[in-house]
Amino acid sequence: MRELTAVANLTVPPEAAFEIFTDEFGRWWPPEFSWSGADLLTDMGLLDGVLYELGPHGLQWDWGRVLRWEPGRRLVFSWQIGPDRVPVPRAEDATEVEVTFDGSTVTVAHRGWERHGEAGAEYRKNFEQVWPYALGRFAEYAANRPR
């Protein structure tokens, strides 16, 4: 299965884009694409190499691990949520997301769909809408965020 790629153009330099993507993840990521859903999500972000979400009553779900960290240039992390919304405990069994920051362009490459067997193709198809929408939210947030 081929990798899924989405691109957004930004109005901030790559160093700032990287910082916003990582430090302010919970402010721009669409809450409807969280485990808890928009109504129950209380926070999400990236801390100490873990992508996490906080739901009702402070319940925390860790749903990804940072695999590469190159500030201002590149971030790679595991996407440890399976097609059935069940956690994938081992990063090597999960899909992988690579985010690159080049000039005013941010590119997301999401790969490893075959690790989910037959369900991988449909799961990938869902992300054909998720990533462009999420990157649109990211670009809008980066352009308009309070400084």
N, C-alpha and C. Protein backbone atom coordinates (compact mmCIF):
# COMPACT_ATOMS: atom_id res chain seq x y z
N MET A 1 0.84 -1.18 0.00
CA MET A 1 0.00 0.00 0.00
C MET A 1 0.88 1.24 0.00
N ARG A 2 0.56 2.15 -0.83
CA ARG A 2 1.41 3.33 -0.95
C ARG A 2 1.18 4.31 0.21
N GLU A 3 2.19 5.11 0.43
CA GLU A 3 2.12 6.11 1.49
C GLU A 3 1.14 7.21 1.09
N LEU A 4 0.54 7.82 2.08
CA LEU A 4 -0.38 8.93 1.88
C LEU A 4 0.38 10.21 2.17
N THR A 5 0.26 11.20 1.28
CA THR A 5 0.98 12.46 1.44
C THR A 5 0.00 13.62 1.40
N ALA A 6 0.20 14.58 2.29
CA ALA A 6 -0.59 15.82 2.31
C ALA A 6 0.38 16.98 2.52
N VAL A 7 0.04 18.13 1.93
CA VAL A 7 0.92 19.29 1.96
C VAL A 7 0.12 20.53 2.33
N ALA A 8 0.77 21.43 3.06
CA ALA A 8 0.18 22.74 3.37
C ALA A 8 1.26 23.80 3.23
N ASN A 9 0.85 24.96 2.78
CA ASN A 9 1.76 26.10 2.71
C ASN A 9 1.49 27.02 3.89
N LEU A 10 2.56 27.48 4.51
CA LEU A 10 2.46 28.27 5.73
C LEU A 10 2.98 29.68 5.52
N THR A 11 2.64 30.53 6.47
CA THR A 11 3.13 31.91 6.45
C THR A 11 4.18 32.14 7.52
N VAL A 12 4.67 31.06 8.13
CA VAL A 12 5.70 31.16 9.17
C VAL A 12 6.92 30.36 8.72
N PRO A 13 8.11 30.71 9.22
CA PRO A 13 9.32 29.96 8.86
C PRO A 13 9.28 28.54 9.43
N PRO A 14 10.10 27.63 8.88
CA PRO A 14 10.06 26.23 9.30
C PRO A 14 10.33 26.01 10.78
N GLU A 15 11.20 26.80 11.37
CA GLU A 15 11.49 26.63 12.80
C GLU A 15 10.24 26.92 13.64
N ALA A 16 9.53 27.98 13.28
CA ALA A 16 8.29 28.32 14.00
C ALA A 16 7.21 27.28 13.73
N ALA A 17 7.12 26.81 12.49
CA ALA A 17 6.13 25.80 12.14
C ALA A 17 6.35 24.52 12.95
N PHE A 18 7.59 24.10 13.07
CA PHE A 18 7.91 22.91 13.86
C PHE A 18 7.49 23.09 15.31
N GLU A 19 7.82 24.24 15.86
CA GLU A 19 7.47 24.54 17.25
C GLU A 19 5.96 24.55 17.46
N ILE A 20 5.23 25.16 16.55
CA ILE A 20 3.77 25.21 16.66
C ILE A 20 3.20 23.80 16.53
N PHE A 21 3.69 23.03 15.56
CA PHE A 21 3.19 21.67 15.34
C PHE A 21 3.36 20.84 16.60
N THR A 22 4.52 20.93 17.23
CA THR A 22 4.82 20.07 18.37
C THR A 22 4.34 20.64 19.70
N ASP A 23 4.59 21.92 19.95
CA ASP A 23 4.26 22.50 21.26
C ASP A 23 2.78 22.85 21.41
N GLU A 24 2.11 23.05 20.30
CA GLU A 24 0.72 23.51 20.36
C GLU A 24 -0.22 22.54 19.64
N PHE A 25 0.17 21.27 19.59
CA PHE A 25 -0.59 20.25 18.87
C PHE A 25 -2.07 20.25 19.25
N GLY A 26 -2.35 20.31 20.51
CA GLY A 26 -3.73 20.28 20.99
C GLY A 26 -4.55 21.50 20.64
N ARG A 27 -3.92 22.57 20.20
CA ARG A 27 -4.65 23.79 19.85
C ARG A 27 -5.09 23.79 18.39
N TRP A 28 -4.41 23.04 17.54
CA TRP A 28 -4.77 23.06 16.12
C TRP A 28 -5.34 21.73 15.62
N TRP A 29 -5.00 20.61 16.29
CA TRP A 29 -5.50 19.31 15.82
C TRP A 29 -7.02 19.25 15.95
N PRO A 30 -7.73 18.82 14.91
CA PRO A 30 -9.20 18.76 14.98
C PRO A 30 -9.68 17.79 16.05
N PRO A 31 -10.40 18.25 17.05
CA PRO A 31 -10.81 17.37 18.15
C PRO A 31 -11.71 16.23 17.71
N GLU A 32 -12.40 16.39 16.58
CA GLU A 32 -13.26 15.30 16.11
C GLU A 32 -12.44 14.10 15.65
N PHE A 33 -11.14 14.27 15.46
CA PHE A 33 -10.26 13.15 15.10
C PHE A 33 -9.46 12.67 16.30
N SER A 34 -10.03 12.77 17.47
CA SER A 34 -9.39 12.26 18.68
C SER A 34 -10.12 11.00 19.14
N TRP A 35 -9.50 10.26 20.02
CA TRP A 35 -10.14 9.08 20.59
C TRP A 35 -11.40 9.47 21.36
N SER A 36 -11.29 10.50 22.16
CA SER A 36 -12.41 10.92 23.01
C SER A 36 -13.54 11.55 22.23
N GLY A 37 -13.21 12.16 21.10
CA GLY A 37 -14.20 12.91 20.35
C GLY A 37 -14.26 14.34 20.85
N ALA A 38 -14.83 15.21 20.05
CA ALA A 38 -14.86 16.64 20.35
C ALA A 38 -15.55 16.95 21.66
N ASP A 39 -16.56 16.18 22.04
CA ASP A 39 -17.32 16.49 23.26
C ASP A 39 -16.60 16.10 24.55
N LEU A 40 -15.71 15.12 24.49
CA LEU A 40 -15.08 14.63 25.71
C LEU A 40 -13.60 14.96 25.85
N LEU A 41 -12.98 15.38 24.76
CA LEU A 41 -11.55 15.69 24.79
C LEU A 41 -11.29 16.89 25.69
N THR A 42 -10.30 16.76 26.58
CA THR A 42 -9.95 17.89 27.43
C THR A 42 -8.58 18.47 27.07
N ASP A 43 -7.68 17.65 26.51
CA ASP A 43 -6.36 18.14 26.11
C ASP A 43 -5.69 17.07 25.26
N MET A 44 -4.78 17.51 24.42
CA MET A 44 -3.92 16.58 23.69
C MET A 44 -2.64 17.29 23.36
N GLY A 45 -1.58 16.52 23.16
CA GLY A 45 -0.32 17.15 22.85
C GLY A 45 0.81 16.16 22.73
N LEU A 46 2.00 16.70 22.87
CA LEU A 46 3.22 15.92 22.75
C LEU A 46 4.09 16.31 23.94
N LEU A 47 4.46 15.33 24.73
CA LEU A 47 5.26 15.60 25.92
C LEU A 47 6.21 14.44 26.16
N ASP A 48 7.49 14.74 26.34
CA ASP A 48 8.51 13.73 26.63
C ASP A 48 8.50 12.58 25.63
N GLY A 49 8.31 12.90 24.36
CA GLY A 49 8.37 11.90 23.31
C GLY A 49 7.12 11.07 23.13
N VAL A 50 6.03 11.47 23.78
CA VAL A 50 4.77 10.73 23.70
C VAL A 50 3.68 11.66 23.18
N LEU A 51 2.90 11.19 22.23
CA LEU A 51 1.70 11.91 21.80
C LEU A 51 0.57 11.35 22.63
N TYR A 52 -0.18 12.23 23.27
CA TYR A 52 -1.18 11.79 24.23
C TYR A 52 -2.47 12.56 24.05
N GLU A 53 -3.49 12.05 24.71
CA GLU A 53 -4.79 12.70 24.75
C GLU A 53 -5.35 12.52 26.15
N LEU A 54 -5.99 13.56 26.66
CA LEU A 54 -6.68 13.47 27.94
C LEU A 54 -8.18 13.52 27.68
N GLY A 55 -8.86 12.56 28.25
CA GLY A 55 -10.31 12.49 28.11
C GLY A 55 -11.00 12.78 29.42
N PRO A 56 -12.21 12.27 29.58
CA PRO A 56 -12.97 12.52 30.80
C PRO A 56 -12.23 12.06 32.06
N HIS A 57 -12.37 12.82 33.11
CA HIS A 57 -11.81 12.50 34.42
C HIS A 57 -10.29 12.35 34.41
N GLY A 58 -9.63 13.03 33.46
CA GLY A 58 -8.17 13.00 33.39
C GLY A 58 -7.59 11.72 32.84
N LEU A 59 -8.41 10.85 32.26
CA LEU A 59 -7.92 9.60 31.69
C LEU A 59 -7.00 9.90 30.50
N GLN A 60 -5.80 9.36 30.53
CA GLN A 60 -4.82 9.64 29.48
C GLN A 60 -4.64 8.43 28.57
N TRP A 61 -4.65 8.70 27.27
CA TRP A 61 -4.35 7.70 26.26
C TRP A 61 -3.07 8.15 25.56
N ASP A 62 -2.07 7.29 25.55
CA ASP A 62 -0.86 7.55 24.78
C ASP A 62 -1.05 6.86 23.44
N TRP A 63 -1.01 7.64 22.37
CA TRP A 63 -1.34 7.07 21.07
C TRP A 63 -0.23 7.19 20.04
N GLY A 64 0.94 7.65 20.46
CA GLY A 64 2.06 7.72 19.53
C GLY A 64 3.37 7.96 20.26
N ARG A 65 4.45 7.62 19.58
CA ARG A 65 5.80 7.81 20.13
C ARG A 65 6.65 8.54 19.10
N VAL A 66 7.45 9.48 19.57
CA VAL A 66 8.37 10.18 18.68
C VAL A 66 9.50 9.22 18.31
N LEU A 67 9.73 9.08 17.01
CA LEU A 67 10.78 8.19 16.50
C LEU A 67 12.00 8.98 16.00
N ARG A 68 11.77 10.19 15.50
CA ARG A 68 12.84 11.09 15.05
C ARG A 68 12.45 12.52 15.41
N TRP A 69 13.41 13.28 15.88
CA TRP A 69 13.16 14.66 16.32
C TRP A 69 14.28 15.53 15.77
N GLU A 70 13.98 16.28 14.73
CA GLU A 70 14.96 17.18 14.13
C GLU A 70 14.33 18.57 14.07
N PRO A 71 14.44 19.36 15.15
CA PRO A 71 13.76 20.65 15.24
C PRO A 71 13.96 21.53 14.01
N GLY A 72 12.84 22.07 13.54
CA GLY A 72 12.85 22.95 12.38
C GLY A 72 12.89 22.22 11.05
N ARG A 73 13.11 20.90 11.07
CA ARG A 73 13.25 20.15 9.82
C ARG A 73 12.29 18.97 9.68
N ARG A 74 12.27 18.10 10.72
CA ARG A 74 11.55 16.84 10.55
C ARG A 74 11.14 16.24 11.88
N LEU A 75 9.97 15.65 11.87
CA LEU A 75 9.43 14.92 13.01
C LEU A 75 8.85 13.62 12.47
N VAL A 76 9.18 12.50 13.10
CA VAL A 76 8.60 11.21 12.74
C VAL A 76 8.02 10.61 14.01
N PHE A 77 6.78 10.13 13.91
CA PHE A 77 6.16 9.50 15.07
C PHE A 77 5.29 8.33 14.65
N SER A 78 5.10 7.41 15.60
CA SER A 78 4.22 6.28 15.36
C SER A 78 2.79 6.73 15.58
N TRP A 79 1.88 6.13 14.82
CA TRP A 79 0.44 6.38 14.96
C TRP A 79 -0.15 5.09 15.49
N GLN A 80 -0.26 4.97 16.80
CA GLN A 80 -0.58 3.71 17.44
C GLN A 80 -2.07 3.56 17.75
N ILE A 81 -2.86 3.93 16.77
CA ILE A 81 -4.31 3.71 16.83
C ILE A 81 -4.65 2.87 15.61
N GLY A 82 -5.25 1.71 15.85
CA GLY A 82 -5.59 0.82 14.75
C GLY A 82 -6.87 1.22 14.04
N PRO A 83 -7.17 0.55 12.93
CA PRO A 83 -8.37 0.87 12.15
C PRO A 83 -9.66 0.71 12.94
N ASP A 84 -9.63 -0.14 13.94
CA ASP A 84 -10.80 -0.37 14.78
C ASP A 84 -10.80 0.52 16.03
N ARG A 85 -9.91 1.53 16.03
CA ARG A 85 -9.75 2.49 17.13
C ARG A 85 -9.20 1.84 18.40
N VAL A 86 -8.61 0.68 18.26
CA VAL A 86 -7.98 -0.02 19.37
C VAL A 86 -6.50 0.35 19.39
N PRO A 87 -5.92 0.56 20.58
CA PRO A 87 -4.50 0.89 20.65
C PRO A 87 -3.62 -0.21 20.04
N VAL A 88 -2.56 0.22 19.41
CA VAL A 88 -1.54 -0.69 18.88
C VAL A 88 -0.35 -0.53 19.81
N PRO A 89 -0.13 -1.48 20.73
CA PRO A 89 0.87 -1.29 21.78
C PRO A 89 2.31 -1.09 21.31
N ARG A 90 2.70 -1.75 20.23
CA ARG A 90 4.09 -1.68 19.77
C ARG A 90 4.21 -0.74 18.57
N ALA A 91 5.11 0.23 18.67
CA ALA A 91 5.29 1.20 17.59
C ALA A 91 5.61 0.53 16.26
N GLU A 92 6.36 -0.56 16.30
CA GLU A 92 6.73 -1.24 15.05
C GLU A 92 5.55 -1.93 14.37
N ASP A 93 4.42 -2.06 15.06
CA ASP A 93 3.21 -2.64 14.48
C ASP A 93 2.23 -1.56 14.03
N ALA A 94 2.57 -0.32 14.25
CA ALA A 94 1.68 0.81 13.96
C ALA A 94 2.09 1.48 12.65
N THR A 95 1.25 2.40 12.18
CA THR A 95 1.66 3.21 11.04
C THR A 95 2.63 4.27 11.53
N GLU A 96 3.25 4.96 10.57
CA GLU A 96 4.26 5.95 10.89
C GLU A 96 3.95 7.24 10.14
N VAL A 97 4.13 8.35 10.82
CA VAL A 97 3.89 9.66 10.23
C VAL A 97 5.20 10.44 10.23
N GLU A 98 5.57 10.95 9.05
CA GLU A 98 6.75 11.80 8.92
C GLU A 98 6.28 13.18 8.51
N VAL A 99 6.69 14.19 9.27
CA VAL A 99 6.33 15.56 8.98
C VAL A 99 7.62 16.31 8.67
N THR A 100 7.68 16.92 7.48
CA THR A 100 8.86 17.68 7.12
C THR A 100 8.49 19.15 6.94
N PHE A 101 9.42 20.00 7.32
CA PHE A 101 9.24 21.45 7.28
C PHE A 101 10.32 21.99 6.34
N ASP A 102 9.91 22.51 5.19
CA ASP A 102 10.85 22.97 4.17
C ASP A 102 10.38 24.33 3.66
N GLY A 103 11.09 25.36 4.05
CA GLY A 103 10.66 26.70 3.68
C GLY A 103 9.28 26.97 4.25
N SER A 104 8.35 27.36 3.39
CA SER A 104 6.99 27.64 3.86
C SER A 104 6.06 26.45 3.67
N THR A 105 6.62 25.29 3.39
CA THR A 105 5.81 24.10 3.13
C THR A 105 5.98 23.06 4.23
N VAL A 106 4.88 22.50 4.67
CA VAL A 106 4.91 21.36 5.59
C VAL A 106 4.27 20.19 4.84
N THR A 107 4.94 19.04 4.91
CA THR A 107 4.47 17.84 4.23
C THR A 107 4.34 16.72 5.24
N VAL A 108 3.21 16.03 5.17
CA VAL A 108 2.98 14.85 6.01
C VAL A 108 2.97 13.63 5.10
N ALA A 109 3.76 12.63 5.46
CA ALA A 109 3.75 11.35 4.77
C ALA A 109 3.37 10.29 5.81
N HIS A 110 2.24 9.63 5.60
CA HIS A 110 1.73 8.62 6.53
C HIS A 110 1.86 7.27 5.82
N ARG A 111 2.58 6.34 6.43
CA ARG A 111 2.88 5.06 5.78
C ARG A 111 2.77 3.89 6.75
N GLY A 112 2.86 2.70 6.19
CA GLY A 112 2.81 1.48 7.00
C GLY A 112 1.42 0.89 7.10
N TRP A 113 0.54 1.26 6.21
CA TRP A 113 -0.86 0.80 6.25
C TRP A 113 -0.96 -0.72 6.19
N GLU A 114 -0.03 -1.35 5.49
CA GLU A 114 -0.06 -2.81 5.34
C GLU A 114 0.09 -3.53 6.68
N ARG A 115 0.59 -2.85 7.68
CA ARG A 115 0.73 -3.45 9.01
C ARG A 115 -0.63 -3.78 9.63
N HIS A 116 -1.70 -3.23 9.08
CA HIS A 116 -3.05 -3.48 9.58
C HIS A 116 -3.79 -4.53 8.76
N GLY A 117 -3.07 -5.24 7.91
CA GLY A 117 -3.68 -6.30 7.11
C GLY A 117 -4.73 -5.75 6.16
N GLU A 118 -5.80 -6.52 5.97
CA GLU A 118 -6.86 -6.13 5.03
C GLU A 118 -7.53 -4.81 5.42
N ALA A 119 -7.58 -4.49 6.70
CA ALA A 119 -8.22 -3.24 7.16
C ALA A 119 -7.39 -2.00 6.82
N GLY A 120 -6.14 -2.20 6.45
CA GLY A 120 -5.26 -1.07 6.18
C GLY A 120 -5.70 -0.20 5.03
N ALA A 121 -6.23 -0.79 3.98
CA ALA A 121 -6.63 -0.01 2.80
C ALA A 121 -7.76 0.95 3.13
N GLU A 122 -8.75 0.49 3.84
CA GLU A 122 -9.88 1.37 4.22
C GLU A 122 -9.43 2.43 5.22
N TYR A 123 -8.56 2.03 6.14
CA TYR A 123 -8.03 2.97 7.12
C TYR A 123 -7.28 4.10 6.40
N ARG A 124 -6.44 3.75 5.43
CA ARG A 124 -5.72 4.73 4.65
C ARG A 124 -6.69 5.67 3.93
N LYS A 125 -7.73 5.10 3.37
CA LYS A 125 -8.72 5.90 2.64
C LYS A 125 -9.33 6.97 3.54
N ASN A 126 -9.61 6.63 4.79
CA ASN A 126 -10.16 7.62 5.74
C ASN A 126 -9.20 8.79 5.93
N PHE A 127 -7.91 8.49 5.97
CA PHE A 127 -6.92 9.54 6.19
C PHE A 127 -6.71 10.42 4.96
N GLU A 128 -7.22 10.02 3.82
CA GLU A 128 -7.16 10.89 2.64
C GLU A 128 -7.93 12.19 2.89
N GLN A 129 -8.90 12.16 3.79
CA GLN A 129 -9.62 13.37 4.18
C GLN A 129 -9.05 13.97 5.46
N VAL A 130 -8.60 13.13 6.37
CA VAL A 130 -8.14 13.60 7.67
C VAL A 130 -6.91 14.52 7.54
N TRP A 131 -5.87 14.06 6.84
CA TRP A 131 -4.64 14.85 6.81
C TRP A 131 -4.78 16.19 6.11
N PRO A 132 -5.42 16.28 4.93
CA PRO A 132 -5.59 17.61 4.34
C PRO A 132 -6.38 18.55 5.23
N TYR A 133 -7.42 18.03 5.88
CA TYR A 133 -8.22 18.86 6.78
C TYR A 133 -7.39 19.31 7.98
N ALA A 134 -6.66 18.37 8.59
CA ALA A 134 -5.84 18.70 9.76
C ALA A 134 -4.75 19.71 9.40
N LEU A 135 -4.10 19.52 8.26
CA LEU A 135 -3.06 20.47 7.85
C LEU A 135 -3.64 21.84 7.51
N GLY A 136 -4.86 21.86 6.99
CA GLY A 136 -5.54 23.14 6.78
C GLY A 136 -5.76 23.87 8.09
N ARG A 137 -6.19 23.12 9.11
CA ARG A 137 -6.37 23.70 10.44
C ARG A 137 -5.04 24.18 11.00
N PHE A 138 -3.98 23.40 10.78
CA PHE A 138 -2.65 23.77 11.25
C PHE A 138 -2.19 25.08 10.59
N ALA A 139 -2.33 25.17 9.27
CA ALA A 139 -1.91 26.39 8.55
C ALA A 139 -2.71 27.60 9.02
N GLU A 140 -4.00 27.42 9.22
CA GLU A 140 -4.84 28.53 9.69
C GLU A 140 -4.44 28.96 11.09
N TYR A 141 -4.22 28.00 11.97
CA TYR A 141 -3.80 28.31 13.33
C TYR A 141 -2.45 29.02 13.33
N ALA A 142 -1.49 28.49 12.54
CA ALA A 142 -0.16 29.10 12.50
C ALA A 142 -0.21 30.54 12.02
N ALA A 143 -1.09 30.81 11.06
CA ALA A 143 -1.19 32.17 10.50
C ALA A 143 -1.87 33.14 11.46
N ASN A 144 -2.79 32.65 12.29
CA ASN A 144 -3.61 33.53 13.11
C ASN A 144 -3.41 33.43 14.61
N ARG A 145 -2.48 32.60 15.04
CA ARG A 145 -2.33 32.38 16.48
C ARG A 145 -1.82 33.66 17.17
N PRO A 146 -2.25 33.85 18.39
CA PRO A 146 -1.75 35.02 19.14
C PRO A 146 -0.26 34.84 19.44
N ARG A 147 0.46 35.92 19.36
CA ARG A 147 1.91 35.85 19.61
C ARG A 147 2.25 36.46 20.93
